[in-house]
Amino acid sequence: MGNIGGGEILVILLLGLVVLGPGRLAVVARQFGRVIREVRRVATGFQEEFRDLVEDPSLEAMARERGHRLTGSSSPESATDEAEEAGG
Protein backbone atom coordinates (compact mmCIF):
# COMPACT_ATOMS: atom_id res chain seq x y z
CA MET A 1 0.00 0.00 0.00
CA GLY A 2 2.73 2.46 -0.77
CA ASN A 3 4.43 4.16 2.13
CA ILE A 4 1.79 3.53 4.78
CA GLY A 5 3.19 1.71 7.79
CA GLY A 6 1.51 -0.39 10.42
CA GLY A 7 1.05 2.54 12.80
CA GLU A 8 -0.74 4.63 10.19
CA ILE A 9 -3.05 1.76 9.27
CA LEU A 10 -3.90 1.24 12.94
CA VAL A 11 -4.76 4.93 13.38
CA ILE A 12 -6.95 4.89 10.24
CA LEU A 13 -8.78 1.78 11.45
CA LEU A 14 -9.35 3.26 14.91
CA LEU A 15 -10.68 6.50 13.41
CA GLY A 16 -12.94 4.50 11.11
CA LEU A 17 -14.20 2.47 14.05
CA VAL A 18 -15.01 5.62 16.03
CA VAL A 19 -16.64 7.45 13.11
CA LEU A 20 -18.49 4.58 11.42
CA GLY A 21 -18.97 2.01 14.14
CA PRO A 22 -18.04 -1.67 13.91
CA GLY A 23 -20.83 -2.79 11.56
CA ARG A 24 -20.51 0.02 9.07
CA LEU A 25 -16.68 -0.14 9.16
CA ALA A 26 -16.76 -3.75 7.93
CA VAL A 27 -19.08 -2.83 5.04
CA VAL A 28 -16.96 0.17 4.05
CA ALA A 29 -13.75 -1.89 4.26
CA ARG A 30 -15.24 -4.53 1.94
CA GLN A 31 -16.37 -1.89 -0.54
CA PHE A 32 -12.95 -0.23 -0.40
CA GLY A 33 -11.29 -3.59 -1.08
CA ARG A 34 -13.53 -4.16 -4.11
CA VAL A 35 -12.76 -0.70 -5.47
CA ILE A 36 -9.01 -1.22 -5.05
CA ARG A 37 -9.22 -4.63 -6.73
CA GLU A 38 -11.14 -3.15 -9.69
CA VAL A 39 -8.69 -0.25 -10.05
CA ARG A 40 -5.77 -2.69 -10.09
CA ARG A 41 -7.55 -4.89 -12.65
CA VAL A 42 -8.17 -1.93 -14.94
CA ALA A 43 -4.59 -0.67 -14.54
CA THR A 44 -3.22 -4.12 -15.35
CA GLY A 45 -5.46 -4.27 -18.42
CA PHE A 46 -4.18 -0.90 -19.63
CA GLN A 47 -0.58 -2.00 -19.10
CA GLU A 48 -1.14 -5.23 -21.04
CA GLU A 49 -2.86 -3.42 -23.92
CA PHE A 50 -0.10 -0.82 -24.08
CA ARG A 51 2.60 -3.51 -23.98
CA ASP A 52 0.86 -5.43 -26.76
CA LEU A 53 0.59 -2.28 -28.85
CA VAL A 54 4.23 -1.31 -28.34
CA GLU A 55 5.47 -4.81 -29.09
CA ASP A 56 3.25 -5.23 -32.17
CA PRO A 57 5.52 -6.55 -34.95
CA SER A 58 3.14 -5.33 -37.66
CA LEU A 59 3.80 -1.71 -36.59
CA GLU A 60 7.53 -2.24 -36.98
CA ALA A 61 7.06 -3.80 -40.41
CA MET A 62 4.77 -0.95 -41.47
CA ALA A 63 7.35 1.62 -40.35
CA ARG A 64 10.11 -0.15 -42.26
CA GLU A 65 7.94 -0.30 -45.41
CA ARG A 66 7.54 3.46 -45.25
CA GLY A 67 11.28 3.97 -44.89
CA HIS A 68 11.41 4.93 -41.22
CA ARG A 69 14.51 4.13 -39.23
CA LEU A 70 13.80 2.40 -35.96
CA THR A 71 16.37 3.78 -33.55
CA GLY A 72 14.69 2.99 -30.26
CA SER A 73 15.08 6.62 -29.22
CA SER A 74 12.05 8.73 -28.47
CA SER A 75 13.75 12.03 -27.66
CA PRO A 76 12.55 15.15 -29.50
CA GLU A 77 16.10 15.83 -30.71
CA SER A 78 16.40 12.44 -32.41
CA ALA A 79 12.99 12.86 -34.01
CA THR A 80 14.04 16.28 -35.36
CA ASP A 81 17.32 14.86 -36.67
CA GLU A 82 15.49 12.02 -38.40
CA ALA A 83 13.01 14.44 -39.97
CA GLU A 84 15.83 16.65 -41.28
CA GLU A 85 17.65 13.63 -42.72
CA ALA A 86 14.46 12.54 -44.46
CA GLY A 87 14.14 15.97 -46.04
CA GLY A 88 11.28 17.21 -43.91
PDB file of N, CA and C in Angstrom:
ATOM      1  N   MET A   1       0.821  -1.206   0.000  1.00  0.00           N
ATOM      2  CA  MET A   1       0.000   0.000   0.000  1.00  0.00           C
ATOM      3  C   MET A   1       0.854   1.254   0.000  1.00  0.00           C
ATOM      4  N   GLY A   2       1.931   1.248  -0.688  1.00  0.00           N
ATOM      5  CA  GLY A   2       2.729   2.455  -0.768  1.00  0.00           C
ATOM      6  C   GLY A   2       3.598   2.635   0.447  1.00  0.00           C
ATOM      7  N   ASN A   3       3.578   3.824   1.001  1.00  0.00           N
ATOM      8  CA  ASN A   3       4.434   4.158   2.130  1.00  0.00           C
ATOM      9  C   ASN A   3       3.667   4.229   3.440  1.00  0.00           C
ATOM     10  N   ILE A   4       2.566   3.525   3.547  1.00  0.00           N
ATOM     11  CA  ILE A   4       1.786   3.530   4.783  1.00  0.00           C
ATOM     12  C   ILE A   4       2.285   2.390   5.655  1.00  0.00           C
ATOM     13  N   GLY A   5       2.686   2.720   6.865  1.00  0.00           N
ATOM     14  CA  GLY A   5       3.188   1.714   7.789  1.00  0.00           C
ATOM     15  C   GLY A   5       2.086   1.157   8.669  1.00  0.00           C
ATOM     16  N   GLY A   6       2.466   0.249   9.525  1.00  0.00           N
ATOM     17  CA  GLY A   6       1.509  -0.391  10.423  1.00  0.00           C
ATOM     18  C   GLY A   6       0.845   0.578  11.377  1.00  0.00           C
ATOM     19  N   GLY A   7       1.610   1.547  11.875  1.00  0.00           N
ATOM     20  CA  GLY A   7       1.047   2.542  12.797  1.00  0.00           C
ATOM     21  C   GLY A   7      -0.025   3.394  12.143  1.00  0.00           C
ATOM     22  N   GLU A   8       0.241   3.808  10.905  1.00  0.00           N
ATOM     23  CA  GLU A   8      -0.740   4.632  10.192  1.00  0.00           C
ATOM     24  C   GLU A   8      -2.024   3.851   9.913  1.00  0.00           C
ATOM     25  N   ILE A   9      -1.869   2.586   9.528  1.00  0.00           N
ATOM     26  CA  ILE A   9      -3.052   1.755   9.270  1.00  0.00           C
ATOM     27  C   ILE A   9      -3.871   1.592  10.542  1.00  0.00           C
ATOM     28  N   LEU A  10      -3.208   1.385  11.656  1.00  0.00           N
ATOM     29  CA  LEU A  10      -3.901   1.238  12.937  1.00  0.00           C
ATOM     30  C   LEU A  10      -4.680   2.502  13.286  1.00  0.00           C
ATOM     31  N   VAL A  11      -4.072   3.665  13.093  1.00  0.00           N
ATOM     32  CA  VAL A  11      -4.756   4.933  13.376  1.00  0.00           C
ATOM     33  C   VAL A  11      -5.968   5.096  12.466  1.00  0.00           C
ATOM     34  N   ILE A  12      -5.822   4.774  11.182  1.00  0.00           N
ATOM     35  CA  ILE A  12      -6.945   4.890  10.240  1.00  0.00           C
ATOM     36  C   ILE A  12      -8.080   3.960  10.650  1.00  0.00           C
ATOM     37  N   LEU A  13      -7.749   2.727  11.022  1.00  0.00           N
ATOM     38  CA  LEU A  13      -8.783   1.781  11.449  1.00  0.00           C
ATOM     39  C   LEU A  13      -9.485   2.243  12.722  1.00  0.00           C
ATOM     40  N   LEU A  14      -8.733   2.761  13.670  1.00  0.00           N
ATOM     41  CA  LEU A  14      -9.348   3.258  14.907  1.00  0.00           C
ATOM     42  C   LEU A  14     -10.263   4.451  14.626  1.00  0.00           C
ATOM     43  N   LEU A  15      -9.822   5.364  13.771  1.00  0.00           N
ATOM     44  CA  LEU A  15     -10.680   6.499  13.410  1.00  0.00           C
ATOM     45  C   LEU A  15     -11.943   6.019  12.697  1.00  0.00           C
ATOM     46  N   GLY A  16     -11.779   5.055  11.800  1.00  0.00           N
ATOM     47  CA  GLY A  16     -12.939   4.499  11.111  1.00  0.00           C
ATOM     48  C   GLY A  16     -13.897   3.832  12.071  1.00  0.00           C
ATOM     49  N   LEU A  17     -13.373   3.134  13.052  1.00  0.00           N
ATOM     50  CA  LEU A  17     -14.201   2.471  14.053  1.00  0.00           C
ATOM     51  C   LEU A  17     -14.986   3.485  14.863  1.00  0.00           C
ATOM     52  N   VAL A  18     -14.340   4.584  15.242  1.00  0.00           N
ATOM     53  CA  VAL A  18     -15.007   5.621  16.032  1.00  0.00           C
ATOM     54  C   VAL A  18     -16.066   6.334  15.192  1.00  0.00           C
ATOM     55  N   VAL A  19     -15.727   6.669  13.951  1.00  0.00           N
ATOM     56  CA  VAL A  19     -16.640   7.453  13.109  1.00  0.00           C
ATOM     57  C   VAL A  19     -17.787   6.598  12.576  1.00  0.00           C
ATOM     58  N   LEU A  20     -17.479   5.388  12.099  1.00  0.00           N
ATOM     59  CA  LEU A  20     -18.489   4.579  11.424  1.00  0.00           C
ATOM     60  C   LEU A  20     -19.141   3.531  12.315  1.00  0.00           C
ATOM     61  N   GLY A  21     -18.456   3.100  13.317  1.00  0.00           N
ATOM     62  CA  GLY A  21     -18.971   2.007  14.138  1.00  0.00           C
ATOM     63  C   GLY A  21     -18.519   0.680  13.559  1.00  0.00           C
ATOM     64  N   PRO A  22     -18.584  -0.387  14.352  1.00  0.00           N
ATOM     65  CA  PRO A  22     -18.036  -1.673  13.911  1.00  0.00           C
ATOM     66  C   PRO A  22     -18.766  -2.287  12.716  1.00  0.00           C
ATOM     67  N   GLY A  23     -20.079  -2.189  12.670  1.00  0.00           N
ATOM     68  CA  GLY A  23     -20.834  -2.789  11.564  1.00  0.00           C
ATOM     69  C   GLY A  23     -20.592  -2.076  10.250  1.00  0.00           C
ATOM     70  N   ARG A  24     -20.682  -0.780  10.285  1.00  0.00           N
ATOM     71  CA  ARG A  24     -20.506   0.025   9.065  1.00  0.00           C
ATOM     72  C   ARG A  24     -19.052  -0.012   8.595  1.00  0.00           C
ATOM     73  N   LEU A  25     -18.099  -0.089   9.526  1.00  0.00           N
ATOM     74  CA  LEU A  25     -16.681  -0.142   9.161  1.00  0.00           C
ATOM     75  C   LEU A  25     -16.389  -1.389   8.323  1.00  0.00           C
ATOM     76  N   ALA A  26     -16.972  -2.517   8.684  1.00  0.00           N
ATOM     77  CA  ALA A  26     -16.757  -3.751   7.930  1.00  0.00           C
ATOM     78  C   ALA A  26     -17.298  -3.624   6.511  1.00  0.00           C
ATOM     79  N   VAL A  27     -18.478  -3.018   6.364  1.00  0.00           N
ATOM     80  CA  VAL A  27     -19.080  -2.831   5.040  1.00  0.00           C
ATOM     81  C   VAL A  27     -18.216  -1.903   4.195  1.00  0.00           C
ATOM     82  N   VAL A  28     -17.787  -0.797   4.775  1.00  0.00           N
ATOM     83  CA  VAL A  28     -16.962   0.169   4.049  1.00  0.00           C
ATOM     84  C   VAL A  28     -15.620  -0.457   3.668  1.00  0.00           C
ATOM     85  N   ALA A  29     -15.033  -1.243   4.556  1.00  0.00           N
ATOM     86  CA  ALA A  29     -13.752  -1.894   4.265  1.00  0.00           C
ATOM     87  C   ALA A  29     -13.896  -2.866   3.097  1.00  0.00           C
ATOM     88  N   ARG A  30     -14.997  -3.619   3.057  1.00  0.00           N
ATOM     89  CA  ARG A  30     -15.240  -4.534   1.939  1.00  0.00           C
ATOM     90  C   ARG A  30     -15.399  -3.770   0.634  1.00  0.00           C
ATOM     91  N   GLN A  31     -16.181  -2.696   0.667  1.00  0.00           N
ATOM     92  CA  GLN A  31     -16.373  -1.886  -0.540  1.00  0.00           C
ATOM     93  C   GLN A  31     -15.051  -1.283  -1.005  1.00  0.00           C
ATOM     94  N   PHE A  32     -14.253  -0.805  -0.069  1.00  0.00           N
ATOM     95  CA  PHE A  32     -12.954  -0.234  -0.403  1.00  0.00           C
ATOM     96  C   PHE A  32     -12.057  -1.292  -1.047  1.00  0.00           C
ATOM     97  N   GLY A  33     -12.072  -2.493  -0.509  1.00  0.00           N
ATOM     98  CA  GLY A  33     -11.289  -3.589  -1.082  1.00  0.00           C
ATOM     99  C   GLY A  33     -11.715  -3.908  -2.502  1.00  0.00           C
ATOM    100  N   ARG A  34     -13.027  -3.906  -2.756  1.00  0.00           N
ATOM    101  CA  ARG A  34     -13.532  -4.158  -4.110  1.00  0.00           C
ATOM    102  C   ARG A  34     -13.094  -3.063  -5.076  1.00  0.00           C
ATOM    103  N   VAL A  35     -13.163  -1.817  -4.618  1.00  0.00           N
ATOM    104  CA  VAL A  35     -12.758  -0.696  -5.473  1.00  0.00           C
ATOM    105  C   VAL A  35     -11.274  -0.805  -5.811  1.00  0.00           C
ATOM    106  N   ILE A  36     -10.452  -1.084  -4.818  1.00  0.00           N
ATOM    107  CA  ILE A  36      -9.007  -1.217  -5.050  1.00  0.00           C
ATOM    108  C   ILE A  36      -8.724  -2.365  -6.016  1.00  0.00           C
ATOM    109  N   ARG A  37      -9.405  -3.489  -5.842  1.00  0.00           N
ATOM    110  CA  ARG A  37      -9.219  -4.630  -6.735  1.00  0.00           C
ATOM    111  C   ARG A  37      -9.597  -4.263  -8.170  1.00  0.00           C
ATOM    112  N   GLU A  38     -10.705  -3.548  -8.347  1.00  0.00           N
ATOM    113  CA  GLU A  38     -11.141  -3.147  -9.685  1.00  0.00           C
ATOM    114  C   GLU A  38     -10.158  -2.160 -10.314  1.00  0.00           C
ATOM    115  N   VAL A  39      -9.665  -1.217  -9.532  1.00  0.00           N
ATOM    116  CA  VAL A  39      -8.689  -0.251 -10.052  1.00  0.00           C
ATOM    117  C   VAL A  39      -7.426  -0.979 -10.500  1.00  0.00           C
ATOM    118  N   ARG A  40      -6.963  -1.926  -9.711  1.00  0.00           N
ATOM    119  CA  ARG A  40      -5.767  -2.690 -10.090  1.00  0.00           C
ATOM    120  C   ARG A  40      -6.017  -3.510 -11.347  1.00  0.00           C
ATOM    121  N   ARG A  41      -7.216  -4.092 -11.467  1.00  0.00           N
ATOM    122  CA  ARG A  41      -7.547  -4.892 -12.651  1.00  0.00           C
ATOM    123  C   ARG A  41      -7.532  -4.023 -13.901  1.00  0.00           C
ATOM    124  N   VAL A  42      -8.132  -2.837 -13.801  1.00  0.00           N
ATOM    125  CA  VAL A  42      -8.170  -1.926 -14.942  1.00  0.00           C
ATOM    126  C   VAL A  42      -6.758  -1.462 -15.293  1.00  0.00           C
ATOM    127  N   ALA A  43      -5.962  -1.118 -14.288  1.00  0.00           N
ATOM    128  CA  ALA A  43      -4.588  -0.667 -14.536  1.00  0.00           C
ATOM    129  C   ALA A  43      -3.769  -1.772 -15.200  1.00  0.00           C
ATOM    130  N   THR A  44      -3.931  -3.000 -14.746  1.00  0.00           N
ATOM    131  CA  THR A  44      -3.219  -4.121 -15.354  1.00  0.00           C
ATOM    132  C   THR A  44      -3.660  -4.311 -16.797  1.00  0.00           C
ATOM    133  N   GLY A  45      -4.952  -4.164 -17.055  1.00  0.00           N
ATOM    134  CA  GLY A  45      -5.457  -4.270 -18.423  1.00  0.00           C
ATOM    135  C   GLY A  45      -4.863  -3.210 -19.332  1.00  0.00           C
ATOM    136  N   PHE A  46      -4.782  -1.970 -18.844  1.00  0.00           N
ATOM    137  CA  PHE A  46      -4.176  -0.899 -19.634  1.00  0.00           C
ATOM    138  C   PHE A  46      -2.711  -1.206 -19.918  1.00  0.00           C
ATOM    139  N   GLN A  47      -1.994  -1.680 -18.907  1.00  0.00           N
ATOM    140  CA  GLN A  47      -0.576  -2.001 -19.098  1.00  0.00           C
ATOM    141  C   GLN A  47      -0.406  -3.097 -20.140  1.00  0.00           C
ATOM    142  N   GLU A  48      -1.244  -4.133 -20.078  1.00  0.00           N
ATOM    143  CA  GLU A  48      -1.141  -5.230 -21.039  1.00  0.00           C
ATOM    144  C   GLU A  48      -1.464  -4.757 -22.446  1.00  0.00           C
ATOM    145  N   GLU A  49      -2.507  -3.936 -22.601  1.00  0.00           N
ATOM    146  CA  GLU A  49      -2.857  -3.421 -23.922  1.00  0.00           C
ATOM    147  C   GLU A  49      -1.750  -2.544 -24.478  1.00  0.00           C
ATOM    148  N   PHE A  50      -1.174  -1.687 -23.639  1.00  0.00           N
ATOM    149  CA  PHE A  50      -0.096  -0.818 -24.077  1.00  0.00           C
ATOM    150  C   PHE A  50       1.123  -1.642 -24.486  1.00  0.00           C
ATOM    151  N   ARG A  51       1.456  -2.645 -23.674  1.00  0.00           N
ATOM    152  CA  ARG A  51       2.598  -3.506 -23.979  1.00  0.00           C
ATOM    153  C   ARG A  51       2.366  -4.237 -25.296  1.00  0.00           C
ATOM    154  N   ASP A  52       1.166  -4.750 -25.508  1.00  0.00           N
ATOM    155  CA  ASP A  52       0.856  -5.434 -26.761  1.00  0.00           C
ATOM    156  C   ASP A  52       0.969  -4.488 -27.948  1.00  0.00           C
ATOM    157  N   LEU A  53       0.522  -3.261 -27.769  1.00  0.00           N
ATOM    158  CA  LEU A  53       0.589  -2.277 -28.845  1.00  0.00           C
ATOM    159  C   LEU A  53       2.034  -1.925 -29.168  1.00  0.00           C
ATOM    160  N   VAL A  54       2.839  -1.697 -28.137  1.00  0.00           N
ATOM    161  CA  VAL A  54       4.235  -1.311 -28.340  1.00  0.00           C
ATOM    162  C   VAL A  54       5.026  -2.451 -28.973  1.00  0.00           C
ATOM    163  N   GLU A  55       4.725  -3.662 -28.590  1.00  0.00           N
ATOM    164  CA  GLU A  55       5.472  -4.813 -29.086  1.00  0.00           C
ATOM    165  C   GLU A  55       4.855  -5.421 -30.346  1.00  0.00           C
ATOM    166  N   ASP A  56       3.937  -4.719 -30.982  1.00  0.00           N
ATOM    167  CA  ASP A  56       3.251  -5.231 -32.169  1.00  0.00           C
ATOM    168  C   ASP A  56       4.219  -5.273 -33.353  1.00  0.00           C
ATOM    169  N   PRO A  57       4.557  -6.455 -33.845  1.00  0.00           N
ATOM    170  CA  PRO A  57       5.519  -6.546 -34.950  1.00  0.00           C
ATOM    171  C   PRO A  57       4.987  -5.948 -36.247  1.00  0.00           C
ATOM    172  N   SER A  58       3.680  -5.898 -36.429  1.00  0.00           N
ATOM    173  CA  SER A  58       3.141  -5.327 -37.663  1.00  0.00           C
ATOM    174  C   SER A  58       3.408  -3.831 -37.739  1.00  0.00           C
ATOM    175  N   LEU A  59       3.470  -3.139 -36.584  1.00  0.00           N
ATOM    176  CA  LEU A  59       3.796  -1.715 -36.595  1.00  0.00           C
ATOM    177  C   LEU A  59       5.231  -1.497 -37.042  1.00  0.00           C
ATOM    178  N   GLU A  60       6.132  -2.351 -36.573  1.00  0.00           N
ATOM    179  CA  GLU A  60       7.531  -2.241 -36.976  1.00  0.00           C
ATOM    180  C   GLU A  60       7.674  -2.492 -38.474  1.00  0.00           C
ATOM    181  N   ALA A  61       6.994  -3.502 -38.981  1.00  0.00           N
ATOM    182  CA  ALA A  61       7.057  -3.802 -40.411  1.00  0.00           C
ATOM    183  C   ALA A  61       6.486  -2.650 -41.231  1.00  0.00           C
ATOM    184  N   MET A  62       5.380  -2.065 -40.765  1.00  0.00           N
ATOM    185  CA  MET A  62       4.769  -0.946 -41.467  1.00  0.00           C
ATOM    186  C   MET A  62       5.724   0.248 -41.502  1.00  0.00           C
ATOM    187  N   ALA A  63       6.405   0.507 -40.401  1.00  0.00           N
ATOM    188  CA  ALA A  63       7.352   1.622 -40.347  1.00  0.00           C
ATOM    189  C   ALA A  63       8.511   1.381 -41.307  1.00  0.00           C
ATOM    190  N   ARG A  64       9.003   0.159 -41.355  1.00  0.00           N
ATOM    191  CA  ARG A  64      10.112  -0.154 -42.264  1.00  0.00           C
ATOM    192  C   ARG A  64       9.675  -0.019 -43.723  1.00  0.00           C
ATOM    193  N   GLU A  65       8.453  -0.425 -44.043  1.00  0.00           N
ATOM    194  CA  GLU A  65       7.940  -0.296 -45.408  1.00  0.00           C
ATOM    195  C   GLU A  65       7.910   1.158 -45.855  1.00  0.00           C
ATOM    196  N   ARG A  66       7.637   2.033 -44.923  1.00  0.00           N
ATOM    197  CA  ARG A  66       7.538   3.458 -45.247  1.00  0.00           C
ATOM    198  C   ARG A  66       8.889   4.160 -45.157  1.00  0.00           C
ATOM    199  N   GLY A  67       9.938   3.409 -44.883  1.00  0.00           N
ATOM    200  CA  GLY A  67      11.280   3.972 -44.888  1.00  0.00           C
ATOM    201  C   GLY A  67      11.710   4.622 -43.596  1.00  0.00           C
ATOM    202  N   HIS A  68      11.032   4.349 -42.505  1.00  0.00           N
ATOM    203  CA  HIS A  68      11.412   4.929 -41.219  1.00  0.00           C
ATOM    204  C   HIS A  68      12.523   4.105 -40.592  1.00  0.00           C
ATOM    205  N   ARG A  69      13.474   4.819 -39.996  1.00  0.00           N
ATOM    206  CA  ARG A  69      14.510   4.132 -39.232  1.00  0.00           C
ATOM    207  C   ARG A  69      13.970   3.884 -37.833  1.00  0.00           C
ATOM    208  N   LEU A  70      14.235   2.741 -37.311  1.00  0.00           N
ATOM    209  CA  LEU A  70      13.798   2.404 -35.958  1.00  0.00           C
ATOM    210  C   LEU A  70      15.019   2.457 -35.062  1.00  0.00           C
ATOM    211  N   THR A  71      15.172   3.576 -34.355  1.00  0.00           N
ATOM    212  CA  THR A  71      16.373   3.781 -33.552  1.00  0.00           C
ATOM    213  C   THR A  71      16.173   3.389 -32.103  1.00  0.00           C
ATOM    214  N   GLY A  72      14.951   3.290 -31.661  1.00  0.00           N
ATOM    215  CA  GLY A  72      14.691   2.991 -30.259  1.00  0.00           C
ATOM    216  C   GLY A  72      14.738   4.224 -29.387  1.00  0.00           C
ATOM    217  N   SER A  73      15.013   5.376 -29.977  1.00  0.00           N
ATOM    218  CA  SER A  73      15.084   6.623 -29.219  1.00  0.00           C
ATOM    219  C   SER A  73      13.794   7.392 -29.428  1.00  0.00           C
ATOM    220  N   SER A  74      13.297   7.972 -28.358  1.00  0.00           N
ATOM    221  CA  SER A  74      12.055   8.731 -28.467  1.00  0.00           C
ATOM    222  C   SER A  74      12.251  10.182 -28.061  1.00  0.00           C
ATOM    223  N   SER A  75      13.512  10.653 -28.060  1.00  0.00           N
ATOM    224  CA  SER A  75      13.752  12.033 -27.659  1.00  0.00           C
ATOM    225  C   SER A  75      13.365  12.983 -28.781  1.00  0.00           C
ATOM    226  N   PRO A  76      12.921  14.189 -28.466  1.00  0.00           N
ATOM    227  CA  PRO A  76      12.545  15.155 -29.502  1.00  0.00           C
ATOM    228  C   PRO A  76      13.711  15.491 -30.426  1.00  0.00           C
ATOM    229  N   GLU A  77      14.939  15.512 -29.888  1.00  0.00           N
ATOM    230  CA  GLU A  77      16.098  15.831 -30.711  1.00  0.00           C
ATOM    231  C   GLU A  77      16.304  14.778 -31.791  1.00  0.00           C
ATOM    232  N   SER A  78      16.191  13.496 -31.424  1.00  0.00           N
ATOM    233  CA  SER A  78      16.404  12.444 -32.411  1.00  0.00           C
ATOM    234  C   SER A  78      15.292  12.451 -33.450  1.00  0.00           C
ATOM    235  N   ALA A  79      14.090  12.782 -33.053  1.00  0.00           N
ATOM    236  CA  ALA A  79      12.991  12.862 -34.013  1.00  0.00           C
ATOM    237  C   ALA A  79      13.232  14.007 -34.986  1.00  0.00           C
ATOM    238  N   THR A  80      13.739  15.139 -34.504  1.00  0.00           N
ATOM    239  CA  THR A  80      14.040  16.280 -35.365  1.00  0.00           C
ATOM    240  C   THR A  80      15.163  15.923 -36.323  1.00  0.00           C
ATOM    241  N   ASP A  81      16.205  15.269 -35.823  1.00  0.00           N
ATOM    242  CA  ASP A  81      17.319  14.859 -36.675  1.00  0.00           C
ATOM    243  C   ASP A  81      16.844  13.917 -37.768  1.00  0.00           C
ATOM    244  N   GLU A  82      15.998  12.965 -37.421  1.00  0.00           N
ATOM    245  CA  GLU A  82      15.489  12.020 -38.403  1.00  0.00           C
ATOM    246  C   GLU A  82      14.635  12.725 -39.447  1.00  0.00           C
ATOM    247  N   ALA A  83      13.844  13.701 -39.029  1.00  0.00           N
ATOM    248  CA  ALA A  83      13.007  14.440 -39.974  1.00  0.00           C
ATOM    249  C   ALA A  83      13.872  15.253 -40.928  1.00  0.00           C
ATOM    250  N   GLU A  84      14.942  15.871 -40.420  1.00  0.00           N
ATOM    251  CA  GLU A  84      15.834  16.649 -41.276  1.00  0.00           C
ATOM    252  C   GLU A  84      16.548  15.750 -42.274  1.00  0.00           C
ATOM    253  N   GLU A  85      16.979  14.571 -41.829  1.00  0.00           N
ATOM    254  CA  GLU A  85      17.652  13.632 -42.720  1.00  0.00           C
ATOM    255  C   GLU A  85      16.708  13.136 -43.804  1.00  0.00           C
ATOM    256  N   ALA A  86      15.436  13.016 -43.490  1.00  0.00           N
ATOM    257  CA  ALA A  86      14.455  12.542 -44.457  1.00  0.00           C
ATOM    258  C   ALA A  86      14.033  13.648 -45.413  1.00  0.00           C
ATOM    259  N   GLY A  87      14.477  14.872 -45.144  1.00  0.00           N
ATOM    260  CA  GLY A  87      14.139  15.972 -46.040  1.00  0.00           C
ATOM    261  C   GLY A  87      12.911  16.724 -45.613  1.00  0.00           C
ATOM    262  N   GLY A  88      12.511  16.578 -44.368  1.00  0.00           N
ATOM    263  CA  GLY A  88      11.284  17.215 -43.907  1.00  0.00           C
ATOM    264  C   GLY A  88      11.598  18.316 -43.052  1.00  0.00           C
TER     265      GLY A  88
END
